[in-house]
Amino acid sequence: RITQHYYLPLIISEVEKLDYLNHIIKVKSEVDFLSKLEEYLKSAENLTNQFDWWMFSRLDETTDQVNVPYYNPIENKILNFKPDFIFWIQKGQDYHILFIDPKGTGRTEYEHKVDGFRNLFEKDEKPIIFEHQGLKVQVHLFLHTADTSFIADYYRRFWLDDIKPLFENLV
């Protein structure tokens, strides 16, 4: 089912070092996320059929201009956070854009990226609703990892180790 909703051609490699092909998904955390997504889409618990419409794509940082600016105190400058994947989901007049970024939890620079996202798309820890052509648009961010038990409490709501919660709150 993922091919019915995927926006661009998709190549996945289980080998991280693959120099002869460009624009291939080869980072382990990204491959793991796609595997979990494919399993979820095949499952009876799949909630995507409750939406009017949805599309999914990988964001290629070499060709796509989708990014979230954030302040990096280590470099003392504004950088661009480029999530790896994006969902567009519509149910009635509600339209959701979900940025997904699979990663490990060992490094903490994700906190600054999340803060940049929050400054643009949230108020009082709730998504800002943007009105556009009769639609109520909300933008969400999720970081995906193998195990969320190592995440600090404040940032826990942005982290997932399962696919189902991506869709549960939108249904």
Protein backbone atom coordinates (compact mmCIF):
# COMPACT_ATOMS: atom_id res chain seq x y z
CA ARG A 1 0.00 0.00 0.00
CA ILE A 2 2.86 2.41 0.51
CA THR A 3 3.41 2.61 -3.25
CA GLN A 4 -0.17 3.84 -3.72
CA HIS A 5 0.58 6.87 -1.59
CA TYR A 6 4.26 7.54 -2.11
CA TYR A 7 4.97 10.70 -4.07
CA LEU A 8 8.34 9.89 -5.67
CA PRO A 9 10.14 6.68 -6.63
CA LEU A 10 11.66 5.01 -3.62
CA ILE A 11 14.81 2.91 -3.35
CA ILE A 12 15.81 1.40 -0.03
CA SER A 13 19.14 -0.20 0.78
CA GLU A 14 20.03 -2.25 3.82
CA VAL A 15 23.67 -1.29 3.26
CA GLU A 16 24.52 2.21 4.48
CA LYS A 17 27.52 2.61 2.17
CA LEU A 18 26.18 2.75 -1.37
CA ASP A 19 28.11 5.36 -3.34
CA TYR A 20 27.08 4.52 -6.89
CA LEU A 21 23.41 5.53 -6.45
CA ASN A 22 22.18 8.95 -5.35
CA HIS A 23 18.96 9.78 -3.51
CA ILE A 24 18.68 6.34 -1.96
CA ILE A 25 17.38 5.63 1.52
CA LYS A 26 20.26 3.89 3.23
CA VAL A 27 20.48 5.31 6.78
CA LYS A 28 19.52 2.54 9.19
CA SER A 29 17.03 4.65 11.19
CA GLU A 30 15.25 5.66 7.95
CA VAL A 31 15.16 2.10 6.61
CA ASP A 32 13.82 0.88 9.98
CA PHE A 33 11.10 3.54 9.94
CA LEU A 34 10.01 2.56 6.42
CA SER A 35 9.94 -1.12 7.40
CA LYS A 36 7.73 -0.34 10.40
CA LEU A 37 5.49 1.86 8.23
CA GLU A 38 5.10 -0.92 5.65
CA GLU A 39 4.20 -3.41 8.41
CA TYR A 40 1.69 -0.97 9.86
CA LEU A 41 0.03 -0.36 6.49
CA LYS A 42 -0.48 -4.12 6.12
CA SER A 43 -1.94 -4.53 9.63
CA ALA A 44 -5.59 -4.68 10.64
CA GLU A 45 -4.93 -1.74 13.02
CA ASN A 46 -4.13 0.53 10.06
CA LEU A 47 -5.94 3.85 10.59
CA THR A 48 -5.01 5.45 7.26
CA ASN A 49 -8.19 4.19 5.62
CA GLN A 50 -10.15 6.57 7.90
CA PHE A 51 -8.73 9.61 6.06
CA ASP A 52 -10.19 11.12 2.92
CA TRP A 53 -6.77 11.39 1.37
CA TRP A 54 -3.11 10.97 2.24
CA MET A 55 0.29 11.11 0.56
CA PHE A 56 3.77 10.28 1.81
CA SER A 57 7.23 11.17 0.58
CA ARG A 58 10.86 11.31 1.52
CA LEU A 59 12.29 14.80 1.65
CA ASP A 60 15.57 14.87 -0.21
CA GLU A 61 17.74 17.59 1.30
CA THR A 62 19.72 17.95 -1.94
CA THR A 63 16.66 18.76 -4.06
CA ASP A 64 13.77 19.78 -1.76
CA GLN A 65 13.54 23.17 -0.12
CA VAL A 66 11.55 22.07 2.94
CA ASN A 67 13.22 23.02 6.20
CA VAL A 68 12.60 24.41 9.67
CA PRO A 69 15.02 27.12 10.82
CA TYR A 70 16.43 26.74 14.33
CA TYR A 71 19.11 28.34 16.45
CA ASN A 72 22.20 26.20 17.03
CA PRO A 73 24.02 27.55 20.10
CA ILE A 74 27.14 25.47 19.41
CA GLU A 75 27.70 27.25 16.08
CA ASN A 76 25.94 30.43 17.26
CA LYS A 77 23.85 30.69 14.11
CA ILE A 78 20.55 29.81 12.51
CA LEU A 79 20.61 26.44 10.72
CA ASN A 80 17.97 24.53 8.78
CA PHE A 81 16.42 21.36 10.14
CA LYS A 82 15.47 19.12 7.21
CA PRO A 83 13.16 16.28 8.27
CA ASP A 84 13.52 13.04 6.33
CA PHE A 85 9.87 12.26 5.55
CA ILE A 86 6.56 14.06 5.17
CA PHE A 87 2.90 13.02 5.24
CA TRP A 88 0.04 15.09 3.86
CA ILE A 89 -3.26 13.93 5.35
CA GLN A 90 -6.80 15.23 4.88
CA LYS A 91 -10.01 14.37 6.69
CA GLY A 92 -12.89 16.69 5.89
CA GLN A 93 -11.68 20.26 6.32
CA ASP A 94 -8.75 19.19 8.52
CA TYR A 95 -5.44 19.04 6.71
CA HIS A 96 -2.32 17.80 8.47
CA ILE A 97 1.32 18.00 7.46
CA LEU A 98 3.51 15.60 9.44
CA PHE A 99 7.26 15.91 9.40
CA ILE A 100 8.97 12.65 10.42
CA ASP A 101 12.65 12.43 11.27
CA PRO A 102 14.01 9.00 12.28
CA LYS A 103 17.12 9.21 14.45
CA GLY A 104 18.95 7.88 17.44
CA THR A 105 18.54 9.40 20.88
CA GLY A 106 22.20 9.60 21.90
CA ARG A 107 22.79 13.16 20.73
CA THR A 108 20.78 16.14 21.95
CA GLU A 109 20.91 18.62 19.06
CA TYR A 110 17.39 17.42 18.19
CA GLU A 111 16.17 19.60 21.10
CA HIS A 112 17.14 22.78 19.23
CA LYS A 113 15.45 21.48 16.07
CA VAL A 114 12.26 20.74 18.01
CA ASP A 115 12.42 24.20 19.60
CA GLY A 116 12.68 25.78 16.14
CA PHE A 117 9.63 23.78 15.04
CA ARG A 118 7.68 24.77 18.16
CA ASN A 119 8.44 28.47 17.60
CA LEU A 120 6.91 28.31 14.12
CA PHE A 121 4.03 25.85 14.44
CA GLU A 122 2.88 25.69 18.06
CA LYS A 123 1.36 27.93 20.69
CA ASP A 124 0.99 26.73 24.28
CA GLU A 125 2.20 23.26 23.17
CA LYS A 126 -0.70 22.89 20.72
CA PRO A 127 -0.52 23.07 16.92
CA ILE A 128 -1.37 26.44 15.41
CA ILE A 129 -4.29 26.14 12.99
CA PHE A 130 -3.68 27.96 9.72
CA GLU A 131 -6.73 28.70 7.56
CA HIS A 132 -6.10 28.16 3.84
CA GLN A 133 -8.73 27.88 1.11
CA GLY A 134 -11.35 26.57 3.53
CA LEU A 135 -8.97 24.07 5.12
CA LYS A 136 -7.72 24.03 8.71
CA VAL A 137 -4.02 23.23 8.34
CA GLN A 138 -1.87 21.94 11.19
CA VAL A 139 1.81 21.03 11.06
CA HIS A 140 3.20 18.28 13.32
CA LEU A 141 6.68 16.96 14.05
CA PHE A 142 7.58 13.42 15.08
CA LEU A 143 11.01 11.97 15.71
CA HIS A 144 11.14 8.20 15.34
CA THR A 145 13.53 5.90 17.20
CA ALA A 146 13.76 2.27 18.27
CA ASP A 147 13.11 2.99 21.97
CA THR A 148 11.63 6.17 23.45
CA SER A 149 12.40 5.28 27.08
CA PHE A 150 15.64 7.31 26.95
CA ILE A 151 13.94 10.60 25.99
CA ALA A 152 13.70 13.50 28.43
CA ASP A 153 10.13 14.15 29.61
CA TYR A 154 9.79 17.59 28.01
CA TYR A 155 10.49 16.28 24.48
CA ARG A 156 8.80 12.88 24.85
CA ARG A 157 5.61 13.96 23.02
CA PHE A 158 7.63 14.43 19.82
CA TRP A 159 9.18 10.95 19.89
CA LEU A 160 7.66 7.69 18.65
CA ASP A 161 8.89 4.11 18.55
CA ASP A 162 5.66 2.89 16.94
CA ILE A 163 3.78 4.01 13.82
CA LYS A 164 0.19 3.89 15.10
CA PRO A 165 0.41 7.07 17.26
CA LEU A 166 1.26 9.06 14.10
CA PHE A 167 -2.35 8.63 13.01
CA GLU A 168 -4.30 8.07 16.25
CA ASN A 169 -4.67 11.73 17.20
CA LEU A 170 -5.67 12.74 13.68
CA VAL A 171 -8.60 10.32 13.29
